[in-house]
Amino acid sequence: MTGVNPNLAELLEGGSPDHAELLAAVADGVIIAVDDSGSVVFIRGEDGQPWLPSFVDEATCARDIAHGQPFLCDVRRLLDIAARTGVRTMTVASATQCATVPIALVGRAAAGDGGQ
């Protein structure tokens, strides 16, 4: 499943991706990490709050969250995780780049308003 979201990888690797394009690409799906019990792995963000790390492919997930198992996550699942846990921010990592994205904007982009 490596390269699960090549469009997202290309946008991130290109540097300074268009806001709407990035949100739409994230809404197409990402890899998240889950632990051995199946619980979602979170990281502590710059604001001290939990953030949801996500990745463009399994290899990047394995590199950055060695103790986690890669799990394909669509936009509905992202929104469900946010609703159940209260997490509001996610990171999206490719081989050499990372972006921080508000999960609510991903939901809006998926609903068709471009995350505005």
N, C-alpha and C. Protein backbone atom coordinates (compact mmCIF):
# COMPACT_ATOMS: atom_id res chain seq x y z
N MET A 1 0.81 -1.19 0.00
CA MET A 1 0.00 0.00 0.00
C MET A 1 0.86 1.27 0.00
N THR A 2 2.17 1.14 -0.11
CA THR A 2 3.04 2.30 -0.16
C THR A 2 2.59 3.21 -1.30
N GLY A 3 2.61 4.52 -1.04
CA GLY A 3 2.14 5.47 -2.04
C GLY A 3 0.62 5.56 -2.05
N VAL A 4 0.00 5.34 -0.88
CA VAL A 4 -1.46 5.31 -0.79
C VAL A 4 -2.08 6.63 -1.25
N ASN A 5 -1.40 7.74 -1.09
CA ASN A 5 -1.93 9.02 -1.54
C ASN A 5 -0.83 9.78 -2.28
N PRO A 6 -0.55 9.36 -3.52
CA PRO A 6 0.54 9.99 -4.27
C PRO A 6 0.29 11.46 -4.56
N ASN A 7 -0.97 11.88 -4.71
CA ASN A 7 -1.27 13.29 -4.94
C ASN A 7 -0.87 14.13 -3.73
N LEU A 8 -1.19 13.64 -2.54
CA LEU A 8 -0.80 14.35 -1.32
C LEU A 8 0.71 14.40 -1.19
N ALA A 9 1.38 13.30 -1.47
CA ALA A 9 2.84 13.27 -1.41
C ALA A 9 3.44 14.30 -2.37
N GLU A 10 2.91 14.36 -3.57
CA GLU A 10 3.42 15.31 -4.58
C GLU A 10 3.21 16.75 -4.12
N LEU A 11 2.04 17.04 -3.57
CA LEU A 11 1.77 18.40 -3.09
C LEU A 11 2.73 18.79 -1.98
N LEU A 12 2.93 17.90 -1.00
CA LEU A 12 3.83 18.21 0.10
C LEU A 12 5.28 18.34 -0.36
N GLU A 13 5.71 17.41 -1.18
CA GLU A 13 7.10 17.42 -1.63
C GLU A 13 7.40 18.63 -2.52
N GLY A 14 6.37 19.17 -3.18
CA GLY A 14 6.55 20.35 -4.03
C GLY A 14 6.76 21.62 -3.23
N GLY A 15 6.45 21.60 -1.94
CA GLY A 15 6.62 22.76 -1.09
C GLY A 15 5.51 23.79 -1.29
N SER A 16 5.07 24.41 -0.21
CA SER A 16 4.04 25.44 -0.21
C SER A 16 2.83 25.08 -1.06
N PRO A 17 2.16 23.97 -0.73
CA PRO A 17 1.00 23.57 -1.53
C PRO A 17 -0.16 24.54 -1.37
N ASP A 18 -0.98 24.63 -2.40
CA ASP A 18 -2.20 25.41 -2.35
C ASP A 18 -3.08 24.87 -1.22
N HIS A 19 -3.63 25.77 -0.43
CA HIS A 19 -4.43 25.41 0.74
C HIS A 19 -5.59 24.47 0.38
N ALA A 20 -6.38 24.83 -0.61
CA ALA A 20 -7.55 24.02 -0.99
C ALA A 20 -7.13 22.67 -1.55
N GLU A 21 -6.07 22.64 -2.35
CA GLU A 21 -5.58 21.37 -2.91
C GLU A 21 -5.08 20.45 -1.81
N LEU A 22 -4.38 21.00 -0.83
CA LEU A 22 -3.87 20.20 0.28
C LEU A 22 -5.03 19.59 1.07
N LEU A 23 -6.03 20.39 1.39
CA LEU A 23 -7.18 19.88 2.14
C LEU A 23 -7.91 18.79 1.37
N ALA A 24 -8.10 19.00 0.07
CA ALA A 24 -8.78 18.00 -0.75
C ALA A 24 -7.97 16.71 -0.80
N ALA A 25 -6.65 16.82 -0.90
CA ALA A 25 -5.81 15.63 -0.95
C ALA A 25 -5.85 14.87 0.38
N VAL A 26 -5.84 15.59 1.49
CA VAL A 26 -5.95 14.93 2.80
C VAL A 26 -7.30 14.23 2.90
N ALA A 27 -8.35 14.87 2.41
CA ALA A 27 -9.69 14.28 2.46
C ALA A 27 -9.78 12.99 1.65
N ASP A 28 -8.86 12.81 0.70
CA ASP A 28 -8.82 11.57 -0.09
C ASP A 28 -8.27 10.39 0.68
N GLY A 29 -7.70 10.63 1.87
CA GLY A 29 -7.22 9.55 2.71
C GLY A 29 -5.76 9.68 3.08
N VAL A 30 -5.45 9.22 4.28
CA VAL A 30 -4.09 9.25 4.81
C VAL A 30 -3.86 7.96 5.59
N ILE A 31 -2.63 7.74 5.96
CA ILE A 31 -2.28 6.65 6.87
C ILE A 31 -2.12 7.25 8.26
N ILE A 32 -2.73 6.61 9.25
CA ILE A 32 -2.49 6.98 10.65
C ILE A 32 -1.84 5.79 11.33
N ALA A 33 -1.33 6.00 12.53
CA ALA A 33 -0.72 4.92 13.29
C ALA A 33 -1.65 4.49 14.42
N VAL A 34 -1.76 3.18 14.60
CA VAL A 34 -2.48 2.62 15.74
C VAL A 34 -1.51 1.74 16.52
N ASP A 35 -1.76 1.62 17.83
CA ASP A 35 -0.88 0.78 18.65
C ASP A 35 -1.35 -0.67 18.62
N ASP A 36 -0.68 -1.51 19.39
CA ASP A 36 -0.98 -2.95 19.39
C ASP A 36 -2.41 -3.26 19.82
N SER A 37 -3.02 -2.37 20.59
CA SER A 37 -4.40 -2.60 21.03
C SER A 37 -5.42 -2.01 20.06
N GLY A 38 -4.93 -1.39 18.99
CA GLY A 38 -5.83 -0.79 18.00
C GLY A 38 -6.20 0.65 18.28
N SER A 39 -5.60 1.24 19.32
CA SER A 39 -5.88 2.64 19.65
C SER A 39 -5.05 3.57 18.78
N VAL A 40 -5.63 4.69 18.42
CA VAL A 40 -4.95 5.68 17.60
C VAL A 40 -3.78 6.27 18.39
N VAL A 41 -2.65 6.46 17.72
CA VAL A 41 -1.47 7.07 18.31
C VAL A 41 -1.54 8.59 18.08
N PHE A 42 -1.34 9.36 19.15
CA PHE A 42 -1.31 10.81 19.07
C PHE A 42 0.08 11.30 19.44
N ILE A 43 0.39 12.52 19.06
CA ILE A 43 1.62 13.19 19.47
C ILE A 43 1.24 14.47 20.19
N ARG A 44 2.17 15.05 20.93
CA ARG A 44 1.94 16.32 21.60
C ARG A 44 2.34 17.42 20.63
N GLY A 45 1.41 18.32 20.34
CA GLY A 45 1.66 19.40 19.40
C GLY A 45 2.41 20.57 20.00
N GLU A 46 2.76 21.50 19.14
CA GLU A 46 3.46 22.70 19.57
C GLU A 46 2.65 23.51 20.57
N ASP A 47 1.33 23.36 20.51
CA ASP A 47 0.45 24.09 21.43
C ASP A 47 0.19 23.32 22.73
N GLY A 48 0.87 22.17 22.90
CA GLY A 48 0.71 21.36 24.10
C GLY A 48 -0.49 20.43 24.05
N GLN A 49 -1.26 20.49 22.99
CA GLN A 49 -2.45 19.65 22.84
C GLN A 49 -2.11 18.41 22.02
N PRO A 50 -2.95 17.36 22.12
CA PRO A 50 -2.71 16.19 21.27
C PRO A 50 -3.00 16.51 19.80
N TRP A 51 -2.15 16.03 18.94
CA TRP A 51 -2.31 16.15 17.49
C TRP A 51 -2.33 14.74 16.92
N LEU A 52 -3.00 14.59 15.80
CA LEU A 52 -3.07 13.31 15.11
C LEU A 52 -2.03 13.28 14.00
N PRO A 53 -0.97 12.47 14.15
CA PRO A 53 0.00 12.37 13.06
C PRO A 53 -0.56 11.50 11.94
N SER A 54 -0.39 11.96 10.72
CA SER A 54 -0.82 11.16 9.56
C SER A 54 0.26 11.24 8.50
N PHE A 55 0.15 10.33 7.54
CA PHE A 55 1.24 10.12 6.60
C PHE A 55 0.69 9.82 5.21
N VAL A 56 1.52 10.08 4.20
CA VAL A 56 1.10 9.80 2.83
C VAL A 56 1.22 8.33 2.48
N ASP A 57 2.03 7.58 3.25
CA ASP A 57 2.22 6.15 2.97
C ASP A 57 2.69 5.40 4.21
N GLU A 58 2.68 4.09 4.11
CA GLU A 58 3.08 3.23 5.23
C GLU A 58 4.54 3.41 5.62
N ALA A 59 5.40 3.60 4.63
CA ALA A 59 6.83 3.72 4.92
C ALA A 59 7.12 4.95 5.79
N THR A 60 6.48 6.06 5.49
CA THR A 60 6.68 7.27 6.28
C THR A 60 6.12 7.08 7.68
N CYS A 61 4.98 6.42 7.80
CA CYS A 61 4.40 6.12 9.10
C CYS A 61 5.37 5.27 9.93
N ALA A 62 5.90 4.22 9.33
CA ALA A 62 6.82 3.32 10.04
C ALA A 62 8.10 4.05 10.46
N ARG A 63 8.56 4.96 9.63
CA ARG A 63 9.77 5.74 9.94
C ARG A 63 9.53 6.65 11.15
N ASP A 64 8.38 7.31 11.18
CA ASP A 64 8.12 8.34 12.19
C ASP A 64 7.47 7.81 13.48
N ILE A 65 6.70 6.73 13.38
CA ILE A 65 6.03 6.14 14.55
C ILE A 65 6.38 4.66 14.56
N ALA A 66 7.59 4.36 15.00
CA ALA A 66 8.10 2.98 14.91
C ALA A 66 7.24 1.99 15.68
N HIS A 67 6.61 2.42 16.77
CA HIS A 67 5.80 1.50 17.58
C HIS A 67 4.36 1.38 17.08
N GLY A 68 4.01 2.10 16.01
CA GLY A 68 2.63 2.07 15.51
C GLY A 68 2.48 1.20 14.28
N GLN A 69 1.26 0.75 14.07
CA GLN A 69 0.92 -0.01 12.86
C GLN A 69 0.18 0.92 11.91
N PRO A 70 0.54 0.94 10.63
CA PRO A 70 -0.15 1.81 9.67
C PRO A 70 -1.60 1.38 9.48
N PHE A 71 -2.48 2.38 9.38
CA PHE A 71 -3.90 2.12 9.20
C PHE A 71 -4.45 3.15 8.22
N LEU A 72 -5.06 2.69 7.15
CA LEU A 72 -5.64 3.58 6.15
C LEU A 72 -6.87 4.27 6.73
N CYS A 73 -6.92 5.58 6.62
CA CYS A 73 -7.96 6.38 7.26
C CYS A 73 -8.60 7.32 6.25
N ASP A 74 -9.90 7.17 6.02
CA ASP A 74 -10.60 8.09 5.13
C ASP A 74 -11.13 9.28 5.93
N VAL A 75 -11.72 10.23 5.22
CA VAL A 75 -12.15 11.47 5.88
C VAL A 75 -13.22 11.21 6.93
N ARG A 76 -14.11 10.27 6.69
CA ARG A 76 -15.14 9.97 7.70
C ARG A 76 -14.50 9.48 8.99
N ARG A 77 -13.50 8.64 8.86
CA ARG A 77 -12.83 8.13 10.06
C ARG A 77 -12.05 9.25 10.75
N LEU A 78 -11.40 10.13 9.98
CA LEU A 78 -10.71 11.27 10.59
C LEU A 78 -11.68 12.10 11.43
N LEU A 79 -12.85 12.39 10.86
CA LEU A 79 -13.84 13.19 11.58
C LEU A 79 -14.38 12.45 12.80
N ASP A 80 -14.52 11.14 12.69
CA ASP A 80 -14.97 10.33 13.83
C ASP A 80 -13.93 10.36 14.95
N ILE A 81 -12.66 10.22 14.59
CA ILE A 81 -11.58 10.29 15.59
C ILE A 81 -11.62 11.65 16.28
N ALA A 82 -11.77 12.72 15.50
CA ALA A 82 -11.83 14.06 16.08
C ALA A 82 -13.02 14.20 17.02
N ALA A 83 -14.17 13.69 16.62
CA ALA A 83 -15.38 13.80 17.45
C ALA A 83 -15.24 13.01 18.75
N ARG A 84 -14.65 11.84 18.67
CA ARG A 84 -14.54 10.97 19.85
C ARG A 84 -13.44 11.41 20.82
N THR A 85 -12.38 12.01 20.29
CA THR A 85 -11.22 12.33 21.13
C THR A 85 -11.06 13.81 21.42
N GLY A 86 -11.67 14.66 20.62
CA GLY A 86 -11.50 16.10 20.79
C GLY A 86 -10.25 16.64 20.11
N VAL A 87 -9.47 15.79 19.45
CA VAL A 87 -8.29 16.27 18.74
C VAL A 87 -8.74 17.19 17.61
N ARG A 88 -8.04 18.32 17.46
CA ARG A 88 -8.45 19.30 16.45
C ARG A 88 -7.44 19.50 15.35
N THR A 89 -6.22 19.05 15.58
CA THR A 89 -5.14 19.31 14.63
C THR A 89 -4.47 18.01 14.23
N MET A 90 -4.10 17.94 12.96
CA MET A 90 -3.35 16.78 12.47
C MET A 90 -2.11 17.28 11.75
N THR A 91 -1.11 16.43 11.75
CA THR A 91 0.06 16.67 10.91
C THR A 91 -0.02 15.69 9.75
N VAL A 92 0.51 16.10 8.62
CA VAL A 92 0.54 15.23 7.44
C VAL A 92 1.98 15.22 6.95
N ALA A 93 2.61 14.04 6.96
CA ALA A 93 4.02 13.93 6.60
C ALA A 93 4.21 13.12 5.33
N SER A 94 5.16 13.60 4.53
CA SER A 94 5.65 12.85 3.37
C SER A 94 7.11 12.51 3.65
N ALA A 95 7.83 12.10 2.64
CA ALA A 95 9.22 11.69 2.83
C ALA A 95 10.08 12.79 3.45
N THR A 96 9.89 14.04 3.01
CA THR A 96 10.75 15.13 3.51
C THR A 96 9.99 16.35 4.00
N GLN A 97 8.68 16.35 3.91
CA GLN A 97 7.90 17.54 4.27
C GLN A 97 6.78 17.18 5.25
N CYS A 98 6.30 18.20 5.95
CA CYS A 98 5.19 18.00 6.88
C CYS A 98 4.35 19.27 6.91
N ALA A 99 3.04 19.10 7.01
CA ALA A 99 2.12 20.22 7.13
C ALA A 99 1.22 19.99 8.34
N THR A 100 0.78 21.07 8.94
CA THR A 100 -0.17 21.02 10.04
C THR A 100 -1.52 21.47 9.51
N VAL A 101 -2.55 20.68 9.80
CA VAL A 101 -3.87 20.90 9.20
C VAL A 101 -4.96 20.81 10.28
N PRO A 102 -5.84 21.81 10.36
CA PRO A 102 -7.00 21.68 11.25
C PRO A 102 -7.97 20.63 10.69
N ILE A 103 -8.35 19.67 11.50
CA ILE A 103 -9.20 18.58 11.03
C ILE A 103 -10.56 19.10 10.57
N ALA A 104 -11.09 20.13 11.21
CA ALA A 104 -12.38 20.67 10.79
C ALA A 104 -12.34 21.16 9.35
N LEU A 105 -11.21 21.73 8.93
CA LEU A 105 -11.10 22.21 7.55
C LEU A 105 -11.08 21.05 6.56
N VAL A 106 -10.51 19.92 6.96
CA VAL A 106 -10.54 18.74 6.10
C VAL A 106 -11.98 18.30 5.88
N GLY A 107 -12.76 18.30 6.95
CA GLY A 107 -14.18 17.95 6.84
C GLY A 107 -14.93 18.88 5.93
N ARG A 108 -14.66 20.16 6.03
CA ARG A 108 -15.33 21.14 5.16
C ARG A 108 -14.92 20.95 3.71
N ALA A 109 -13.64 20.66 3.49
CA ALA A 109 -13.17 20.43 2.12
C ALA A 109 -13.85 19.21 1.53
N ALA A 110 -14.00 18.17 2.33
CA ALA A 110 -14.66 16.95 1.85
C ALA A 110 -16.13 17.21 1.56
N ALA A 111 -16.73 18.16 2.29
CA ALA A 111 -18.14 18.48 2.07
C ALA A 111 -18.34 19.37 0.85
N GLY A 112 -17.23 19.84 0.27
CA GLY A 112 -17.33 20.57 -0.98
C GLY A 112 -17.17 22.07 -0.90
N ASP A 113 -16.83 22.62 0.26
CA ASP A 113 -16.67 24.07 0.30
C ASP A 113 -15.20 24.50 0.34
N GLY A 114 -14.29 23.57 0.05
CA GLY A 114 -12.88 23.91 -0.05
C GLY A 114 -12.22 24.25 1.26
N GLY A 115 -12.89 23.96 2.38
CA GLY A 115 -12.29 24.22 3.68
C GLY A 115 -12.39 25.66 4.11
N GLN A 116 -13.22 26.44 3.45
CA GLN A 116 -13.34 27.87 3.78
C GLN A 116 -14.22 28.08 4.98
